[in-house]
Protein backbone atom coordinates (compact mmCIF):
# COMPACT_ATOMS: atom_id res chain seq x y z
CA MET A 1 -0.18 0.01 -0.17
CA ILE A 2 1.00 3.34 -0.99
CA ASP A 3 0.56 5.99 1.97
CA VAL A 4 0.14 9.88 0.32
CA CYS A 5 -0.02 13.13 2.16
CA LEU A 6 -0.65 16.60 0.49
CA ALA A 7 1.38 18.03 3.34
CA GLY A 8 0.34 21.91 1.75
CA THR A 9 -1.69 23.29 -0.51
CA GLY A 10 -0.53 27.10 -1.68
CA GLY A 11 1.48 28.70 -3.90
CA MET A 12 3.65 31.63 -4.37
CA MET A 13 3.89 31.92 -0.46
CA PRO A 14 2.53 30.56 2.91
CA LEU A 15 -0.38 31.64 4.73
CA PRO A 16 -1.06 31.51 8.52
CA ASN A 17 -4.10 28.86 7.63
CA ARG A 18 -2.18 27.19 4.30
CA TRP A 19 1.61 26.14 3.54
CA LEU A 20 2.91 25.51 0.29
CA THR A 21 2.28 22.40 -1.95
CA SER A 22 4.35 19.41 -1.14
CA LEU A 23 3.72 15.77 -1.53
CA TRP A 24 4.56 13.11 0.80
CA VAL A 25 4.48 9.65 -0.66
CA GLU A 26 5.23 6.88 1.20
CA TYR A 27 5.61 3.05 0.37
CA ASN A 28 7.12 -0.01 2.76
CA GLY A 29 8.27 2.27 5.34
CA LYS A 30 10.54 4.54 3.15
CA ALA A 31 9.23 7.95 2.10
CA ALA A 32 9.90 10.75 -0.69
CA ILE A 33 8.57 14.12 -0.92
CA VAL A 34 7.86 16.46 -3.88
CA ASP A 35 9.30 20.08 -3.76
CA CYS A 36 9.76 21.37 -0.34
CA GLY A 37 9.13 25.29 -0.35
CA GLU A 38 9.58 27.51 3.18
CA GLY A 39 7.91 25.49 6.32
CA THR A 40 7.50 22.16 4.33
CA GLN A 41 9.30 20.25 7.57
CA ILE A 42 6.22 21.98 9.52
CA ALA A 43 3.73 20.99 7.85
CA LEU A 44 4.92 17.29 7.37
CA ALA A 45 5.35 17.47 11.03
CA GLN A 46 1.70 18.80 11.82
CA HIS A 47 0.52 15.79 9.43
CA GLY A 48 2.47 13.16 11.11
CA CYS A 49 4.80 12.45 8.18
CA LYS A 50 7.89 11.15 10.03
CA LEU A 51 11.20 13.31 8.79
CA ASN A 52 13.51 9.97 9.16
CA LYS A 53 11.57 8.07 6.48
CA ILE A 54 12.68 10.51 4.02
CA GLY A 55 14.96 8.74 1.10
CA ALA A 56 14.23 10.98 -1.82
CA ILE A 57 13.43 14.55 -2.78
CA PHE A 58 11.72 15.18 -5.86
CA ILE A 59 11.81 19.25 -6.99
CA THR A 60 9.94 20.61 -9.72
CA HIS A 61 11.59 23.49 -10.69
CA PHE A 62 13.53 26.36 -8.77
CA HIS A 63 10.82 28.89 -8.20
CA ALA A 64 11.23 29.75 -4.69
CA ASP A 65 7.70 28.55 -3.36
CA HIS A 66 9.25 25.22 -4.15
CA ILE A 67 12.71 24.39 -3.22
CA SER A 68 13.16 27.64 -0.73
CA GLY A 69 13.02 25.66 2.06
CA LEU A 70 15.50 22.53 1.30
CA SER A 71 17.50 23.54 3.89
CA GLY A 72 15.50 23.99 6.66
CA LEU A 73 14.27 20.43 6.11
CA LEU A 74 17.40 18.93 5.72
CA LEU A 75 18.75 20.04 8.92
CA SER A 76 15.41 19.05 10.85
CA ILE A 77 15.97 15.60 8.99
CA GLY A 78 19.31 15.61 10.80
CA ASN A 79 17.57 16.56 14.07
CA THR A 80 15.72 12.96 13.98
CA GLY A 81 19.33 10.98 13.54
CA LYS A 82 19.01 10.27 10.03
CA LYS A 83 21.84 7.85 8.85
CA GLY A 84 22.90 6.74 5.26
CA TYR A 85 21.95 8.85 2.03
CA ILE A 86 18.87 11.24 0.60
CA THR A 87 18.60 11.26 -3.08
CA ILE A 88 17.79 14.92 -4.58
CA TYR A 89 16.54 14.71 -8.25
CA GLY A 90 15.67 17.93 -9.91
CA CYS A 91 16.60 20.10 -13.31
CA LYS A 92 20.17 20.43 -14.49
CA GLY A 93 21.21 23.25 -11.96
CA LEU A 94 20.33 21.40 -8.88
CA ALA A 95 23.98 20.91 -7.82
CA ARG A 96 24.83 24.70 -7.76
CA ILE A 97 21.13 25.53 -6.26
CA ILE A 98 21.52 22.93 -3.32
CA LYS A 99 25.19 24.29 -2.72
CA ASN A 100 23.68 27.74 -2.32
CA LEU A 101 21.05 27.07 -0.72
CA CYS A 102 22.56 24.83 1.77
CA CYS A 103 25.62 27.29 2.73
CA ILE A 104 24.30 27.40 6.15
CA CYS A 105 23.74 23.42 6.78
CA PRO A 106 27.10 22.03 5.57
CA LEU A 107 27.28 19.11 8.57
CA LEU A 108 24.55 16.99 8.29
CA PRO A 109 25.01 13.29 10.01
CA TYR A 110 23.90 11.47 6.23
CA GLY A 111 24.94 12.10 2.83
CA ILE A 112 23.07 13.50 -0.05
CA ASP A 113 23.30 12.44 -3.87
CA ILE A 114 21.94 14.82 -6.32
CA VAL A 115 20.41 13.41 -9.44
CA GLU A 116 20.15 16.48 -12.17
CA LEU A 117 17.63 15.42 -14.95
CA ASP A 118 17.34 17.05 -18.26
CA SER A 119 14.20 18.82 -18.11
CA SER A 120 13.82 19.17 -21.70
CA LYS A 121 12.71 15.87 -22.31
CA PRO A 122 10.82 12.63 -20.35
CA ASN A 123 13.02 10.86 -18.19
CA THR A 124 12.77 7.31 -16.34
CA MET A 125 14.27 6.17 -13.13
CA HIS A 126 13.51 3.76 -10.18
CA TRP A 127 13.00 4.34 -6.35
CA ASN A 128 11.80 2.14 -3.76
CA ASP A 129 10.87 -0.55 -6.25
CA MET A 130 8.41 2.01 -8.12
CA VAL A 131 9.02 3.15 -11.58
CA VAL A 132 9.33 7.33 -11.32
CA ASN A 133 8.95 9.16 -14.82
CA THR A 134 9.07 12.82 -15.65
CA ILE A 135 7.24 14.97 -18.04
CA PRO A 136 8.37 18.53 -19.29
CA LEU A 137 6.23 20.97 -17.92
CA HIS A 138 5.49 24.54 -19.58
CA HIS A 139 6.06 26.97 -16.82
CA GLY A 140 8.37 29.57 -18.39
CA ILE A 141 11.74 28.09 -16.69
CA PRO A 142 12.54 24.40 -16.80
CA CYS A 143 9.81 22.69 -14.79
CA MET A 144 8.85 19.07 -14.70
CA GLY A 145 6.22 16.80 -13.56
CA TYR A 146 6.26 13.48 -11.71
CA SER A 147 4.32 10.11 -11.57
CA PHE A 148 5.14 7.14 -9.58
CA ARG A 149 4.31 4.09 -10.70
CA LEU A 150 3.93 0.70 -8.41
CA ASP A 151 3.93 -2.55 -10.39
CA ARG A 152 2.05 -5.20 -8.15
CA LYS A 153 2.73 -9.00 -8.01
CA PRO A 154 -0.29 -10.83 -8.41
CA VAL A 155 -1.87 -12.40 -5.07
CA PHE A 156 -0.14 -15.46 -3.79
CA ASN A 157 -2.65 -18.43 -3.35
CA PRO A 158 -1.61 -20.74 -0.93
CA ASN A 159 -4.55 -23.14 -1.72
CA LYS A 160 -2.61 -23.79 -5.10
CA ALA A 161 0.18 -24.38 -3.88
CA LYS A 162 -0.74 -27.11 -0.97
CA GLU A 163 -2.38 -28.56 -4.11
CA LEU A 164 0.94 -28.83 -5.96
CA GLY A 165 2.74 -29.83 -2.88
CA VAL A 166 5.10 -27.21 -2.22
CA ASP A 167 6.58 -26.92 1.03
CA VAL A 168 5.71 -23.31 2.79
CA LYS A 169 9.45 -22.23 2.81
CA TYR A 170 9.44 -22.13 -0.97
CA TRP A 171 6.48 -19.69 -0.93
CA ARG A 172 8.43 -16.55 -0.34
CA GLN A 173 10.83 -17.48 -3.60
CA LEU A 174 8.01 -18.65 -5.96
CA HIS A 175 5.96 -15.36 -4.79
CA GLY A 176 9.03 -13.15 -5.98
CA GLY A 177 8.82 -14.47 -9.27
CA GLU A 178 11.68 -17.51 -8.85
CA SER A 179 10.43 -21.14 -9.67
CA VAL A 180 10.65 -24.19 -7.78
CA THR A 181 11.37 -28.25 -8.40
CA VAL A 182 8.58 -30.64 -6.59
CA GLY A 183 9.69 -34.25 -7.18
CA ASP A 184 10.14 -33.93 -10.96
CA LYS A 185 7.46 -31.21 -11.73
CA GLN A 186 8.62 -27.74 -11.88
CA ILE A 187 6.27 -25.01 -10.49
CA THR A 188 6.18 -21.80 -11.85
CA THR A 189 4.92 -18.39 -10.24
CA ASP A 190 1.89 -18.29 -12.45
CA MET A 191 0.93 -21.51 -10.80
CA VAL A 192 0.50 -20.42 -7.66
CA THR A 193 -0.89 -16.98 -8.03
CA ASP A 194 -4.55 -15.43 -8.93
CA ALA A 195 -4.98 -13.19 -11.42
CA ALA A 196 -2.46 -10.13 -12.21
CA ARG A 197 -3.42 -6.92 -10.33
CA ASP A 198 -3.05 -3.45 -11.88
CA PRO A 199 -0.35 -0.94 -10.83
CA ILE A 200 -0.73 2.03 -8.55
CA LYS A 201 0.04 5.16 -10.27
CA ILE A 202 0.03 8.76 -8.69
CA THR A 203 0.86 11.92 -10.90
CA TYR A 204 1.87 15.17 -9.85
CA MET A 205 1.91 18.21 -12.02
CA THR A 206 2.51 21.55 -11.05
CA ASP A 207 3.25 24.59 -12.05
CA THR A 208 2.07 24.75 -15.52
CA LYS A 209 -0.27 25.80 -18.03
CA ALA A 210 -2.56 23.22 -20.27
CA PHE A 211 -0.81 21.11 -22.70
CA GLU A 212 -1.20 18.48 -24.94
CA GLY A 213 0.07 15.52 -23.67
CA MET A 214 -0.47 16.13 -19.71
CA ALA A 215 -3.92 13.46 -20.17
CA GLU A 216 -1.62 10.74 -21.34
CA PHE A 217 1.25 11.40 -18.90
CA ALA A 218 -1.57 10.83 -16.50
CA LYS A 219 -3.43 8.19 -18.27
CA GLY A 220 -4.85 5.57 -15.70
CA SER A 221 -3.85 7.54 -12.34
CA ASP A 222 -5.05 6.18 -9.38
CA LEU A 223 -4.51 9.83 -7.75
CA LEU A 224 -3.92 12.62 -10.16
CA ILE A 225 -2.72 16.07 -8.31
CA CYS A 226 -2.73 18.64 -10.62
CA GLU A 227 -2.21 22.49 -9.82
CA GLY A 228 -5.62 25.09 -9.79
CA MET A 229 -4.25 28.26 -9.21
CA TYR A 230 -7.71 29.89 -9.69
CA GLY A 231 -11.33 28.09 -10.02
CA ASP A 232 -12.81 31.13 -12.19
CA ASP A 233 -12.33 30.60 -15.71
CA GLU A 234 -12.40 34.41 -16.20
CA LEU A 235 -9.05 34.72 -14.87
CA LEU A 236 -7.70 31.68 -17.47
CA ASP A 237 -5.96 34.42 -20.00
CA LYS A 238 -4.35 35.67 -16.73
CA VAL A 239 -2.95 32.04 -15.38
CA ARG A 240 -1.98 31.16 -18.93
CA GLU A 241 0.48 34.26 -19.26
CA LYS A 242 2.00 32.95 -15.87
CA GLY A 243 2.44 29.42 -16.96
CA HIS A 244 -0.54 28.07 -14.50
CA MET A 245 -3.90 26.36 -15.08
CA VAL A 246 -7.40 26.79 -13.67
CA PHE A 247 -9.87 24.33 -11.97
CA SER A 248 -11.37 23.10 -14.86
CA GLN A 249 -8.53 22.79 -17.13
CA SER A 250 -7.26 20.28 -14.16
CA ALA A 251 -10.47 18.54 -14.30
CA ASP A 252 -10.78 17.83 -18.04
CA ILE A 253 -7.27 16.25 -17.67
CA ALA A 254 -8.24 14.15 -15.18
CA VAL A 255 -11.35 13.28 -17.58
CA LYS A 256 -9.08 12.78 -20.67
CA SER A 257 -6.28 10.46 -18.57
CA GLY A 258 -8.98 8.33 -16.95
CA SER A 259 -7.73 9.15 -13.64
CA LYS A 260 -9.81 7.43 -10.35
CA GLU A 261 -9.59 10.91 -8.41
CA LEU A 262 -8.50 14.66 -8.88
CA TRP A 263 -6.62 16.80 -5.73
CA LEU A 264 -6.63 20.12 -6.69
CA THR A 265 -3.44 22.26 -5.11
CA HIS A 266 -1.37 24.92 -5.55
CA TYR A 267 -3.93 27.83 -4.86
CA SER A 268 -3.28 31.24 -5.28
CA PRO A 269 -3.13 33.59 -1.83
CA ALA A 270 -5.45 35.51 -3.49
CA MET A 271 -7.96 32.98 -3.44
CA PRO A 272 -9.18 32.30 0.06
CA ASN A 273 -11.53 29.96 0.02
CA PRO A 274 -11.02 27.46 -3.12
CA GLY A 275 -14.15 25.17 -2.02
CA TYR A 276 -15.95 27.74 -3.11
CA TYR A 277 -15.52 26.24 -6.56
CA GLU A 278 -16.22 22.33 -5.35
CA LYS A 279 -19.73 22.03 -7.07
CA ARG A 280 -18.92 23.35 -10.30
CA THR A 281 -15.92 21.51 -10.46
CA LYS A 282 -17.06 18.00 -9.28
CA LYS A 283 -19.58 18.79 -12.01
CA LEU A 284 -16.95 18.39 -14.65
CA PHE A 285 -15.17 15.51 -12.92
CA ALA A 286 -17.17 13.94 -9.94
CA ASN A 287 -14.24 12.90 -7.78
CA ALA A 288 -12.27 16.21 -7.79
CA VAL A 289 -11.46 16.70 -4.61
CA ILE A 290 -10.69 20.62 -3.91
CA SER A 291 -7.63 19.62 -1.41
CA LYS A 292 -6.77 20.80 1.99
CA ASP A 293 -3.60 20.73 3.91
CA GLY A 294 -3.03 17.36 5.32
CA GLN A 295 -5.27 15.89 2.41
CA LYS A 296 -4.32 11.81 3.05
CA LYS A 297 -5.34 8.62 1.26
CA THR A 298 -3.80 4.91 1.50
CA LEU A 299 -3.82 3.75 -2.68
CA GLY A 300 -4.07 -0.19 -2.88
């Protein structure tokens, strides 16, 4: 199962009742976050996300509301006694940005690996048994969206294993994809499992104006987290100029991508009540959620 928490939902600057947008993704006891604006470590702690679990940080782009909280977060993680390494992913130039931001925290009890990605093209990497893909976004500066996909094993059926005479000590081996020999017969994974399960997919896209390709990138998402700078369509031209979207555009992407659920986020500070637009947004996509700080869900 994957646990997700949208620790903050704001854009541009934190407000007294709204932290900046940051996503927590946890699987099998290990966690990653996407973006780290000012105060992110406080937002995560407020919503029960344990900082010492963080093993990876994915940065969408280098605007302050998405990365300026990095030094504070790394120091806070250090105070938990974290050991080992944290890997930070981001656009080209990430090493220089981190060097400048982290001049105030040069001594950390763990190491940092930096992975610079070419934001002009899709990238694929692996983290914590998940496939992580990126898409170039349209925001005026290099910016990437991320998707996390967990390909799940088929369910192991102990009754099938027993009928074939497979000793319990071999069950884990079989479920892991290896074959075993019982007597003179070879037993393969498909013989002791039920039907294949669909993967779990989470897609995160902010900051960007809408463009063709977003729906394809988010195709089949169990959870699509997408920006909504404003809820009012009358502001569409304004947000497009600044490389952002309104609620209705995100809802349209959710429909076209066949996503199961949409969480809106990255609200403008000038929009104090995003929930005002909930009814009209749900008319466009029934499973749209006007997210609040600390929005949580367990997938799978």
